[in-house]
Amino acid sequence: MTGFPTYSIICGYSRASSSVGLEPRTSNALVGGSSPSLPVVLFSFMDNLDRYKFGGRPQDSTNLLLLISELEGAYQHLKYMGFDKDLNTIDEMKKRYYSLYFKVKKEEKANNPL
């Protein structure tokens, strides 16, 4: 393993023996290949980058519920802060996505009767 630089990568947290609590847990990753001077860091969540482009996520019931949940949260913040006009705009958006959700859910249920 000599000749190749190693890089310490934070993998998560582990309970340490000290009274402080959690400390970063690291592992040494060997960087090899044709260019050993460049660190290699792979993220499993970046395997499919198409999901993060415009229109990359399917308009299925799960993703619509995630969107509705975010809109509900924004609605609550706007309500507590007193933004009436924006509240009405978000409320219109919620209605549109709720109706789309129920339509898509009905179609999904018809196509997969389990």
N, C-alpha and C. Protein backbone atom coordinates (compact mmCIF):
# COMPACT_ATOMS: atom_id res chain seq x y z
N MET A 1 0.81 -1.20 0.00
CA MET A 1 0.00 0.00 0.00
C MET A 1 0.85 1.26 0.00
N THR A 2 2.11 1.15 -0.04
CA THR A 2 2.93 2.35 -0.08
C THR A 2 2.93 2.91 -1.49
N GLY A 3 3.10 4.19 -1.59
CA GLY A 3 3.09 4.83 -2.88
C GLY A 3 1.75 5.44 -3.23
N PHE A 4 0.66 5.00 -2.59
CA PHE A 4 -0.66 5.55 -2.84
C PHE A 4 -1.10 6.36 -1.64
N PRO A 5 -1.55 7.59 -1.84
CA PRO A 5 -2.03 8.38 -0.70
C PRO A 5 -3.36 7.84 -0.19
N THR A 6 -3.61 8.00 1.08
CA THR A 6 -4.89 7.63 1.65
C THR A 6 -5.58 8.88 2.13
N TYR A 7 -6.90 8.87 2.09
CA TYR A 7 -7.69 9.99 2.52
C TYR A 7 -8.65 9.52 3.59
N SER A 8 -8.80 10.32 4.61
CA SER A 8 -9.72 9.99 5.68
C SER A 8 -11.10 10.50 5.30
N ILE A 9 -12.07 9.60 5.26
CA ILE A 9 -13.43 9.95 4.87
C ILE A 9 -14.35 9.72 6.06
N ILE A 10 -15.16 10.72 6.38
CA ILE A 10 -16.09 10.57 7.48
C ILE A 10 -17.23 9.67 7.04
N CYS A 11 -17.44 8.58 7.77
CA CYS A 11 -18.47 7.60 7.41
C CYS A 11 -19.72 7.74 8.25
N GLY A 12 -19.64 8.38 9.36
CA GLY A 12 -20.79 8.49 10.23
C GLY A 12 -20.33 8.85 11.63
N TYR A 13 -21.07 8.44 12.62
CA TYR A 13 -20.71 8.72 13.99
C TYR A 13 -20.74 7.44 14.80
N SER A 14 -19.85 7.36 15.76
CA SER A 14 -19.82 6.19 16.63
C SER A 14 -19.70 6.67 18.07
N ARG A 15 -20.16 5.86 18.98
CA ARG A 15 -20.10 6.20 20.39
C ARG A 15 -18.64 6.06 20.84
N ALA A 16 -18.08 7.11 21.36
CA ALA A 16 -16.69 7.09 21.80
C ALA A 16 -16.61 6.74 23.27
N SER A 17 -15.42 6.36 23.71
CA SER A 17 -15.24 6.00 25.11
C SER A 17 -15.17 7.23 26.00
N SER A 18 -14.99 8.40 25.40
CA SER A 18 -14.91 9.61 26.21
C SER A 18 -16.30 10.04 26.64
N SER A 19 -16.37 10.97 27.55
CA SER A 19 -17.65 11.43 28.06
C SER A 19 -18.30 12.46 27.15
N VAL A 20 -17.62 12.84 26.08
CA VAL A 20 -18.14 13.85 25.17
C VAL A 20 -19.36 13.34 24.42
N GLY A 21 -19.36 12.08 24.04
CA GLY A 21 -20.51 11.53 23.33
C GLY A 21 -20.12 11.00 21.98
N LEU A 22 -20.64 11.62 20.93
CA LEU A 22 -20.40 11.11 19.59
C LEU A 22 -19.19 11.78 18.96
N GLU A 23 -18.36 10.99 18.33
CA GLU A 23 -17.21 11.50 17.59
C GLU A 23 -17.27 10.96 16.18
N PRO A 24 -16.73 11.70 15.22
CA PRO A 24 -16.76 11.20 13.85
C PRO A 24 -15.99 9.89 13.72
N ARG A 25 -16.57 8.95 12.98
CA ARG A 25 -15.90 7.69 12.69
C ARG A 25 -15.31 7.82 11.29
N THR A 26 -14.05 7.53 11.14
CA THR A 26 -13.41 7.68 9.85
C THR A 26 -12.88 6.36 9.36
N SER A 27 -12.68 6.29 8.07
CA SER A 27 -12.02 5.13 7.49
C SER A 27 -11.02 5.63 6.48
N ASN A 28 -9.97 4.92 6.28
CA ASN A 28 -8.97 5.30 5.30
C ASN A 28 -9.30 4.66 3.98
N ALA A 29 -9.51 5.47 2.98
CA ALA A 29 -9.83 4.96 1.65
C ALA A 29 -8.59 5.05 0.79
N LEU A 30 -8.20 3.95 0.23
CA LEU A 30 -7.05 3.93 -0.65
C LEU A 30 -7.44 4.48 -2.00
N VAL A 31 -6.68 5.43 -2.46
CA VAL A 31 -6.95 6.02 -3.75
C VAL A 31 -5.96 5.45 -4.73
N GLY A 32 -6.45 4.69 -5.69
CA GLY A 32 -5.57 4.06 -6.67
C GLY A 32 -6.01 4.38 -8.07
N GLY A 33 -5.63 3.57 -8.99
CA GLY A 33 -6.02 3.77 -10.37
C GLY A 33 -4.97 4.55 -11.12
N SER A 34 -5.38 5.13 -12.21
CA SER A 34 -4.42 5.82 -13.07
C SER A 34 -4.01 7.18 -12.50
N SER A 35 -4.80 7.74 -11.64
CA SER A 35 -4.49 9.05 -11.08
C SER A 35 -4.60 8.99 -9.56
N PRO A 36 -3.56 8.50 -8.88
CA PRO A 36 -3.65 8.31 -7.43
C PRO A 36 -3.66 9.61 -6.64
N SER A 37 -3.44 10.76 -7.27
CA SER A 37 -3.42 12.01 -6.51
C SER A 37 -4.81 12.61 -6.33
N LEU A 38 -5.81 12.07 -7.02
CA LEU A 38 -7.16 12.59 -6.90
C LEU A 38 -7.98 11.75 -5.93
N PRO A 39 -8.66 12.38 -4.97
CA PRO A 39 -9.50 11.61 -4.05
C PRO A 39 -10.73 11.06 -4.76
N VAL A 40 -11.10 9.86 -4.38
CA VAL A 40 -12.27 9.22 -4.96
C VAL A 40 -13.32 9.11 -3.88
N VAL A 41 -14.42 9.80 -4.06
CA VAL A 41 -15.51 9.76 -3.11
C VAL A 41 -16.78 9.41 -3.89
N LEU A 42 -17.40 8.30 -3.51
CA LEU A 42 -18.62 7.87 -4.19
C LEU A 42 -19.80 8.04 -3.26
N PHE A 43 -20.84 8.64 -3.74
CA PHE A 43 -22.05 8.82 -2.96
C PHE A 43 -23.13 7.93 -3.57
N SER A 44 -23.71 7.06 -2.76
CA SER A 44 -24.72 6.15 -3.28
C SER A 44 -25.98 6.87 -3.73
N PHE A 45 -26.27 8.02 -3.12
CA PHE A 45 -27.48 8.73 -3.51
C PHE A 45 -27.32 9.44 -4.84
N MET A 46 -26.14 9.48 -5.40
CA MET A 46 -25.91 10.14 -6.67
C MET A 46 -25.84 9.16 -7.83
N ASP A 47 -26.24 7.91 -7.58
CA ASP A 47 -26.19 6.91 -8.63
C ASP A 47 -27.06 7.30 -9.81
N ASN A 48 -28.21 7.86 -9.55
CA ASN A 48 -29.13 8.22 -10.61
C ASN A 48 -29.40 9.72 -10.55
N LEU A 49 -28.57 10.49 -11.23
CA LEU A 49 -28.69 11.94 -11.18
C LEU A 49 -29.86 12.47 -11.99
N ASP A 50 -30.46 11.65 -12.83
CA ASP A 50 -31.59 12.10 -13.63
C ASP A 50 -32.79 12.50 -12.77
N ARG A 51 -32.90 11.93 -11.56
CA ARG A 51 -34.01 12.29 -10.67
C ARG A 51 -33.96 13.74 -10.24
N TYR A 52 -32.78 14.35 -10.29
CA TYR A 52 -32.60 15.71 -9.80
C TYR A 52 -32.63 16.76 -10.90
N LYS A 53 -32.99 16.35 -12.10
CA LYS A 53 -33.15 17.29 -13.20
C LYS A 53 -34.61 17.68 -13.31
N PHE A 54 -34.87 18.75 -14.06
CA PHE A 54 -36.25 19.22 -14.25
C PHE A 54 -37.07 18.11 -14.89
N GLY A 55 -38.16 17.73 -14.24
CA GLY A 55 -39.03 16.68 -14.75
C GLY A 55 -38.48 15.27 -14.56
N GLY A 56 -37.47 15.11 -13.73
CA GLY A 56 -36.82 13.82 -13.57
C GLY A 56 -37.53 12.85 -12.63
N ARG A 57 -38.42 13.34 -11.81
CA ARG A 57 -39.14 12.46 -10.90
C ARG A 57 -40.51 12.11 -11.47
N PRO A 58 -40.91 10.86 -11.30
CA PRO A 58 -42.24 10.49 -11.81
C PRO A 58 -43.33 11.16 -10.98
N GLN A 59 -44.44 11.43 -11.63
CA GLN A 59 -45.57 12.04 -10.93
C GLN A 59 -46.45 10.94 -10.37
N ASP A 60 -45.87 10.16 -9.45
CA ASP A 60 -46.63 9.09 -8.81
C ASP A 60 -47.19 9.60 -7.49
N SER A 61 -48.00 8.78 -6.84
CA SER A 61 -48.69 9.22 -5.63
C SER A 61 -47.71 9.55 -4.50
N THR A 62 -46.63 8.82 -4.40
CA THR A 62 -45.66 9.08 -3.33
C THR A 62 -45.01 10.44 -3.50
N ASN A 63 -44.54 10.74 -4.69
CA ASN A 63 -43.90 12.04 -4.92
C ASN A 63 -44.89 13.18 -4.80
N LEU A 64 -46.13 12.96 -5.20
CA LEU A 64 -47.14 14.00 -5.03
C LEU A 64 -47.42 14.26 -3.55
N LEU A 65 -47.43 13.20 -2.74
CA LEU A 65 -47.63 13.41 -1.29
C LEU A 65 -46.46 14.15 -0.67
N LEU A 66 -45.25 13.89 -1.14
CA LEU A 66 -44.10 14.64 -0.64
C LEU A 66 -44.23 16.12 -0.98
N LEU A 67 -44.68 16.41 -2.18
CA LEU A 67 -44.90 17.79 -2.59
C LEU A 67 -46.00 18.45 -1.77
N ILE A 68 -47.09 17.74 -1.57
CA ILE A 68 -48.21 18.27 -0.78
C ILE A 68 -47.77 18.55 0.65
N SER A 69 -46.96 17.68 1.20
CA SER A 69 -46.46 17.88 2.56
C SER A 69 -45.63 19.16 2.66
N GLU A 70 -44.79 19.41 1.66
CA GLU A 70 -44.00 20.64 1.66
C GLU A 70 -44.91 21.86 1.54
N LEU A 71 -45.93 21.76 0.71
CA LEU A 71 -46.86 22.88 0.57
C LEU A 71 -47.64 23.13 1.86
N GLU A 72 -48.02 22.07 2.55
CA GLU A 72 -48.71 22.22 3.85
C GLU A 72 -47.81 22.92 4.86
N GLY A 73 -46.53 22.57 4.86
CA GLY A 73 -45.59 23.23 5.77
C GLY A 73 -45.43 24.70 5.45
N ALA A 74 -45.32 25.02 4.15
CA ALA A 74 -45.21 26.42 3.75
C ALA A 74 -46.48 27.18 4.11
N TYR A 75 -47.63 26.53 3.97
CA TYR A 75 -48.91 27.15 4.32
C TYR A 75 -48.93 27.53 5.81
N GLN A 76 -48.46 26.61 6.66
CA GLN A 76 -48.45 26.89 8.10
C GLN A 76 -47.53 28.05 8.43
N HIS A 77 -46.35 28.08 7.84
CA HIS A 77 -45.42 29.19 8.09
C HIS A 77 -46.02 30.51 7.65
N LEU A 78 -46.63 30.52 6.48
CA LEU A 78 -47.24 31.76 5.99
C LEU A 78 -48.39 32.20 6.88
N LYS A 79 -49.15 31.24 7.39
CA LYS A 79 -50.28 31.56 8.26
C LYS A 79 -49.78 32.21 9.55
N TYR A 80 -48.76 31.62 10.16
CA TYR A 80 -48.25 32.15 11.43
C TYR A 80 -47.56 33.50 11.26
N MET A 81 -47.04 33.75 10.05
CA MET A 81 -46.36 35.02 9.81
C MET A 81 -47.29 36.09 9.24
N GLY A 82 -48.52 35.70 8.89
CA GLY A 82 -49.51 36.67 8.48
C GLY A 82 -49.45 37.12 7.03
N PHE A 83 -49.01 36.27 6.12
CA PHE A 83 -48.96 36.61 4.70
C PHE A 83 -50.22 36.09 4.01
N ASP A 84 -51.26 36.93 3.97
CA ASP A 84 -52.57 36.52 3.44
C ASP A 84 -52.54 36.19 1.95
N LYS A 85 -51.95 37.04 1.12
CA LYS A 85 -51.95 36.81 -0.32
C LYS A 85 -51.21 35.53 -0.68
N ASP A 86 -50.07 35.32 -0.06
CA ASP A 86 -49.29 34.11 -0.33
C ASP A 86 -50.01 32.87 0.19
N LEU A 87 -50.73 33.05 1.30
CA LEU A 87 -51.52 31.94 1.84
C LEU A 87 -52.55 31.45 0.83
N ASN A 88 -53.21 32.39 0.18
CA ASN A 88 -54.22 32.04 -0.81
C ASN A 88 -53.59 31.36 -2.02
N THR A 89 -52.41 31.82 -2.43
CA THR A 89 -51.71 31.20 -3.56
C THR A 89 -51.34 29.76 -3.24
N ILE A 90 -50.78 29.53 -2.06
CA ILE A 90 -50.40 28.17 -1.65
C ILE A 90 -51.64 27.29 -1.52
N ASP A 91 -52.73 27.87 -1.03
CA ASP A 91 -53.97 27.10 -0.88
C ASP A 91 -54.49 26.64 -2.24
N GLU A 92 -54.41 27.50 -3.26
CA GLU A 92 -54.80 27.10 -4.61
C GLU A 92 -53.91 25.99 -5.14
N MET A 93 -52.62 26.10 -4.89
CA MET A 93 -51.68 25.06 -5.32
C MET A 93 -51.98 23.73 -4.63
N LYS A 94 -52.26 23.78 -3.34
CA LYS A 94 -52.58 22.55 -2.60
C LYS A 94 -53.80 21.87 -3.19
N LYS A 95 -54.84 22.64 -3.49
CA LYS A 95 -56.06 22.06 -4.06
C LYS A 95 -55.76 21.36 -5.38
N ARG A 96 -54.96 22.01 -6.22
CA ARG A 96 -54.62 21.43 -7.51
C ARG A 96 -53.85 20.11 -7.34
N TYR A 97 -52.89 20.08 -6.42
CA TYR A 97 -52.09 18.86 -6.24
C TYR A 97 -52.83 17.78 -5.47
N TYR A 98 -53.73 18.16 -4.58
CA TYR A 98 -54.57 17.15 -3.93
C TYR A 98 -55.45 16.45 -4.96
N SER A 99 -56.07 17.19 -5.86
CA SER A 99 -56.92 16.56 -6.87
C SER A 99 -56.09 15.69 -7.80
N LEU A 100 -54.89 16.14 -8.16
CA LEU A 100 -54.01 15.33 -8.99
C LEU A 100 -53.59 14.06 -8.25
N TYR A 101 -53.31 14.19 -6.95
CA TYR A 101 -52.93 13.02 -6.15
C TYR A 101 -54.04 11.97 -6.16
N PHE A 102 -55.27 12.38 -5.90
CA PHE A 102 -56.37 11.40 -5.85
C PHE A 102 -56.62 10.77 -7.22
N LYS A 103 -56.44 11.54 -8.28
CA LYS A 103 -56.59 10.99 -9.63
C LYS A 103 -55.50 9.94 -9.89
N VAL A 104 -54.25 10.27 -9.57
CA VAL A 104 -53.13 9.35 -9.81
C VAL A 104 -53.26 8.12 -8.91
N LYS A 105 -53.66 8.32 -7.67
CA LYS A 105 -53.82 7.19 -6.74
C LYS A 105 -54.89 6.23 -7.24
N LYS A 106 -55.96 6.76 -7.78
CA LYS A 106 -57.04 5.94 -8.32
C LYS A 106 -56.53 5.13 -9.52
N GLU A 107 -55.74 5.76 -10.39
CA GLU A 107 -55.18 5.08 -11.54
C GLU A 107 -54.19 3.99 -11.12
N GLU A 108 -53.35 4.30 -10.11
CA GLU A 108 -52.39 3.31 -9.62
C GLU A 108 -53.11 2.10 -9.02
N LYS A 109 -54.18 2.36 -8.30
CA LYS A 109 -54.93 1.28 -7.68
C LYS A 109 -55.62 0.42 -8.74
N ALA A 110 -56.11 1.04 -9.80
CA ALA A 110 -56.76 0.29 -10.88
C ALA A 110 -55.76 -0.57 -11.65
N ASN A 111 -54.53 -0.06 -11.81
CA ASN A 111 -53.50 -0.80 -12.54
C ASN A 111 -52.81 -1.87 -11.70
N ASN A 112 -52.86 -1.74 -10.40
CA ASN A 112 -52.23 -2.70 -9.49
C ASN A 112 -53.22 -3.05 -8.39
N PRO A 113 -54.12 -4.01 -8.62
CA PRO A 113 -55.22 -4.27 -7.69
C PRO A 113 -54.84 -5.06 -6.43
N LEU A 114 -53.57 -5.08 -6.07
CA LEU A 114 -53.18 -5.82 -4.87
C LEU A 114 -53.62 -5.07 -3.69
